[in-house]
Protein backbone atom coordinates (compact mmCIF):
# COMPACT_ATOMS: atom_id res chain seq x y z
CA UNK A 1 222.39 43.16 147.14
CA UNK A 2 219.81 40.35 146.81
CA UNK A 3 220.34 37.68 144.18
CA UNK A 4 216.78 38.16 142.95
CA UNK A 5 215.64 40.93 140.60
CA UNK A 6 211.93 41.01 141.43
CA UNK A 7 209.60 40.06 144.26
CA UNK A 8 206.20 38.45 143.91
CA UNK A 9 204.08 38.94 147.00
CA UNK A 10 200.97 37.28 148.33
CA UNK A 11 198.67 39.76 150.14
CA UNK A 12 196.64 38.09 152.86
CA UNK A 13 198.90 37.12 155.79
CA UNK A 14 201.92 38.55 154.00
CA UNK A 15 201.29 42.26 153.37
CA UNK A 16 198.05 42.73 155.29
CA UNK A 17 196.63 40.77 158.22
CA UNK A 18 194.35 37.85 157.48
CA UNK A 19 191.86 39.37 159.90
CA UNK A 20 191.35 42.36 157.60
CA UNK A 21 190.26 40.14 154.73
CA UNK A 22 188.08 37.75 156.72
CA UNK A 23 186.72 40.10 159.38
CA UNK A 24 186.38 43.33 157.38
CA UNK A 25 186.40 42.85 153.60
CA UNK A 26 184.37 39.66 153.25
CA UNK A 27 181.64 40.79 155.73
CA UNK A 28 181.51 44.20 154.05
CA UNK A 29 180.85 42.60 150.66
CA UNK A 30 178.18 40.34 152.13
CA UNK A 31 176.48 43.21 153.93
CA UNK A 32 176.44 45.52 150.90
CA UNK A 33 175.87 43.15 147.96
CA UNK A 34 172.05 43.62 147.95
CA UNK A 35 172.22 47.43 148.04
CA UNK A 36 175.03 47.52 145.50
CA UNK A 37 173.16 45.36 143.00
CA UNK A 38 169.96 47.36 143.52
CA UNK A 39 171.88 50.49 142.49
CA UNK A 40 174.20 49.12 139.79
CA UNK A 41 172.59 46.01 138.31
CA UNK A 42 172.07 47.54 134.86
CA UNK A 43 175.72 48.57 134.46
CA UNK A 44 177.37 46.47 131.72
CA UNK A 45 180.31 45.39 133.95
CA UNK A 46 177.87 44.18 136.66
CA UNK A 47 175.76 42.42 134.06
CA UNK A 48 178.92 40.63 132.89
CA UNK A 49 179.54 39.42 136.45
CA UNK A 50 175.94 38.21 136.68
CA UNK A 51 176.27 36.23 133.47
CA UNK A 52 179.47 34.60 134.70
CA UNK A 53 177.78 33.71 137.98
CA UNK A 54 174.92 32.08 136.08
CA UNK A 55 177.39 30.10 134.01
CA UNK A 56 179.30 29.00 137.11
CA UNK A 57 176.11 27.94 138.85
CA UNK A 58 174.92 26.01 135.79
CA UNK A 59 178.17 24.01 135.72
CA UNK A 60 178.23 23.35 139.48
CA UNK A 61 176.80 19.94 140.30
CA UNK A 62 176.16 21.04 143.91
CA UNK A 63 173.88 23.80 142.65
CA UNK A 64 171.46 21.62 140.69
CA UNK A 65 168.85 21.66 143.43
CA UNK A 66 169.19 25.39 144.10
CA UNK A 67 167.13 28.27 142.72
CA UNK A 68 168.45 29.62 139.43
CA UNK A 69 169.79 33.17 139.37
CA UNK A 70 166.91 35.24 138.06
CA UNK A 71 166.59 38.11 140.60
CA UNK A 72 168.64 40.17 143.00
CA UNK A 73 167.50 37.94 145.90
CA UNK A 74 168.71 34.77 144.16
CA UNK A 75 171.98 36.48 143.21
CA UNK A 76 172.52 37.47 146.84
CA UNK A 77 171.75 33.95 148.03
CA UNK A 78 174.20 32.45 145.59
CA UNK A 79 176.92 35.02 146.33
CA UNK A 80 176.59 34.42 150.05
CA UNK A 81 176.83 30.65 149.50
CA UNK A 82 180.04 31.12 147.50
CA UNK A 83 181.46 33.27 150.30
CA UNK A 84 180.53 30.65 152.94
CA UNK A 85 182.27 27.96 150.90
CA UNK A 86 185.30 30.23 150.29
CA UNK A 87 185.03 29.50 146.58
CA UNK A 88 187.71 31.06 144.37
CA UNK A 89 185.03 32.14 141.93
CA UNK A 90 186.31 34.69 139.37
CA UNK A 91 182.80 36.22 139.05
CA UNK A 92 182.45 36.49 142.81
CA UNK A 93 185.89 38.11 143.11
CA UNK A 94 185.01 40.55 140.37
CA UNK A 95 181.74 41.55 142.03
CA UNK A 96 183.35 41.80 145.45
CA UNK A 97 185.99 44.11 143.95
CA UNK A 98 183.32 46.49 142.70
CA UNK A 99 181.59 46.55 146.09
CA UNK A 100 184.90 47.22 147.84
CA UNK A 101 185.67 49.97 145.35
CA UNK A 102 182.54 51.79 146.44
CA UNK A 103 183.52 51.31 150.10
CA UNK A 104 187.05 52.56 149.60
CA UNK A 105 185.85 55.55 147.64
CA UNK A 106 183.36 56.65 150.28
CA UNK A 107 185.89 56.16 153.07
CA UNK A 108 184.19 53.16 154.69
CA UNK A 109 187.22 50.94 154.04
CA UNK A 110 190.93 51.45 154.66
CA UNK A 111 193.41 48.59 154.42
CA UNK A 112 196.06 47.99 157.10
CA UNK A 113 199.55 46.95 156.05
CA UNK A 114 202.31 45.59 158.26
CA UNK A 115 204.69 48.24 159.56
CA UNK A 116 207.69 46.85 157.63
CA UNK A 117 205.99 46.95 154.23
CA UNK A 118 206.54 50.57 153.20
CA UNK A 119 210.22 50.58 154.20
CA UNK A 120 210.76 47.38 152.19
CA UNK A 121 208.97 48.79 149.15
CA UNK A 122 211.13 51.91 149.25
CA UNK A 123 214.33 49.89 149.73
CA UNK A 124 213.51 47.57 146.82
CA UNK A 125 212.55 50.43 144.53
CA UNK A 126 215.79 52.27 145.34
CA UNK A 127 217.87 49.28 144.17
CA UNK A 128 215.75 48.56 141.10
CA UNK A 129 213.88 45.48 142.37
CA UNK A 130 210.48 45.14 140.72
CA UNK A 131 207.52 44.60 143.09
CA UNK A 132 204.60 42.42 141.91
CA UNK A 133 201.50 40.96 143.52
CA UNK A 134 199.82 37.57 143.14
CA UNK A 135 196.56 37.10 145.01
CA UNK A 136 193.35 35.13 144.65
CA UNK A 137 191.51 38.46 144.87
CA UNK A 138 190.84 40.21 141.59
CA UNK A 139 193.35 42.69 140.19
CA UNK A 140 190.81 45.43 140.94
CA UNK A 141 190.58 44.36 144.58
CA UNK A 142 194.39 44.32 144.83
CA UNK A 143 194.73 47.79 143.32
CA UNK A 144 192.08 49.18 145.65
CA UNK A 145 193.72 47.64 148.70
CA UNK A 146 197.10 49.18 147.92
CA UNK A 147 195.58 52.54 146.91
CA UNK A 148 193.77 52.95 150.27
CA UNK A 149 196.16 51.75 152.99
CA UNK A 150 196.68 53.20 156.43
CA UNK A 151 200.14 54.16 155.12
CA UNK A 152 198.76 55.99 152.11
CA UNK A 153 198.58 55.11 148.45
CA UNK A 154 201.21 52.40 147.78
CA UNK A 155 200.30 51.69 144.15
CA UNK A 156 203.26 53.78 142.99
CA UNK A 157 205.55 50.95 144.16
CA UNK A 158 203.71 48.11 142.38
CA UNK A 159 204.78 47.08 138.89
CA UNK A 160 202.30 44.29 138.10
CA UNK A 161 199.25 42.61 139.67
CA UNK A 162 198.23 39.00 138.99
CA UNK A 163 195.08 37.14 140.02
CA UNK A 164 193.81 33.64 139.38
CA UNK A 165 193.08 34.48 135.73
CA UNK A 166 196.76 33.51 135.28
CA UNK A 167 196.12 30.18 137.03
CA UNK A 168 195.66 28.67 140.48
CA UNK A 169 198.11 29.67 143.20
CA UNK A 170 198.99 26.03 143.84
CA UNK A 171 199.85 25.31 140.16
CA UNK A 172 203.50 25.68 139.09
CA UNK A 173 202.31 26.71 135.61
CA UNK A 174 200.85 29.93 137.14
CA UNK A 175 204.31 30.98 138.34
CA UNK A 176 205.92 30.13 135.01
CA UNK A 177 203.28 32.27 133.29
CA UNK A 178 203.95 35.17 135.67
CA UNK A 179 207.73 34.92 135.10
CA UNK A 180 207.17 34.93 131.36
CA UNK A 181 204.85 37.93 131.62
CA UNK A 182 207.52 39.81 133.63
CA UNK A 183 210.28 38.71 131.24
CA UNK A 184 212.32 37.25 134.12
CA UNK A 185 213.88 33.86 134.50
CA UNK A 186 211.92 32.24 137.40
CA UNK A 187 215.19 31.79 139.35
CA UNK A 188 215.50 35.60 139.54
CA UNK A 189 212.11 35.97 141.20
CA UNK A 190 211.42 35.74 144.96
CA UNK A 191 207.90 34.63 145.94
CA UNK A 192 206.74 35.37 149.51
CA UNK A 193 203.60 33.77 150.91
CA UNK A 194 202.16 32.44 154.20
CA UNK A 195 200.91 29.22 152.50
CA UNK A 196 203.26 26.27 152.01
CA UNK A 197 201.23 24.81 149.14
CA UNK A 198 201.75 28.04 147.17
CA UNK A 199 205.46 28.00 147.95
CA UNK A 200 205.64 24.42 146.75
CA UNK A 201 204.18 25.47 143.40
CA UNK A 202 206.51 28.49 143.03
CA UNK A 203 209.49 26.37 144.02
CA UNK A 204 208.57 23.75 141.41
CA UNK A 205 208.56 26.56 138.83
CA UNK A 206 212.10 27.49 139.84
CA UNK A 207 211.38 30.58 141.91
CA UNK A 208 213.13 31.49 145.15
CA UNK A 209 210.74 31.40 148.11
CA UNK A 210 210.15 32.54 151.66
CA UNK A 211 207.44 31.48 154.12
CA UNK A 212 205.96 34.58 155.79
CA UNK A 213 205.05 34.01 159.43
CA UNK A 214 202.88 36.81 160.76
CA UNK A 215 200.78 37.09 163.94
CA UNK A 216 197.41 35.42 163.38
CA UNK A 217 198.47 33.33 160.39
CA UNK A 218 197.39 29.69 160.50
CA UNK A 219 200.26 27.39 161.43
CA UNK A 220 201.87 25.64 158.49
CA UNK A 221 203.17 22.11 158.40
CA UNK A 222 206.92 21.66 158.73
CA UNK A 223 208.42 22.66 155.43
CA UNK A 224 211.67 23.09 153.54
CA UNK A 225 211.16 26.82 153.19
CA UNK A 226 213.13 29.52 154.93
CA UNK A 227 210.75 31.56 157.06
CA UNK A 228 210.66 35.30 157.77
CA UNK A 229 208.65 37.34 160.25
CA UNK A 230 209.32 40.69 158.59
CA UNK A 231 210.35 42.06 155.20
CA UNK A 232 213.32 43.63 157.03
CA UNK A 233 215.17 40.38 156.57
CA UNK A 234 214.74 40.48 152.79
CA UNK A 235 217.82 42.62 152.10
């Protein structure tokens, strides 16, 4: 029996291949943002994203010489610029989640998960280990990904989802906040990620950690963290 009571999992490079996010999801959002906004711009939740994007742009010193967001074309230009810069913009993540929702619902998108994931989820559930997710993607995007996998709907296994509204993934305070939310002592939580900087933060918060090494993941600098290549080793 593991000496941890809950797992906290990264998604990209841990549960699903990095290639799915960068080669499928991000291009899909870029390709469909114009059409999605044309159809849904007047919806209150989309208007809220637009207002947040305007606020982000107004506070971004690099954007001072750019066109202000006052039309679908200028929204698309700004969104694409944020994607190119890989900005962890909450408004961008929220809008992308809505675009992906439409793609999942019409069958255009299906998320791959590594072959060991479902067996691990079932094993952990059977022994009472809580399964939680922490990703830079929005909670909506996380829920959609797990609801539409090539192994079926996996949301029944997930207890809680956390995104960067709780804090940055490289900030120890984020992990303390998650532990408090889950009502667990941090030492009873196991965080699994493919990024050493995130593991450093979780470790500083007192969590147990594992470095996930999957095919296609960027190499990480030598680290103190025990590495795994499959969830099968997390018994």
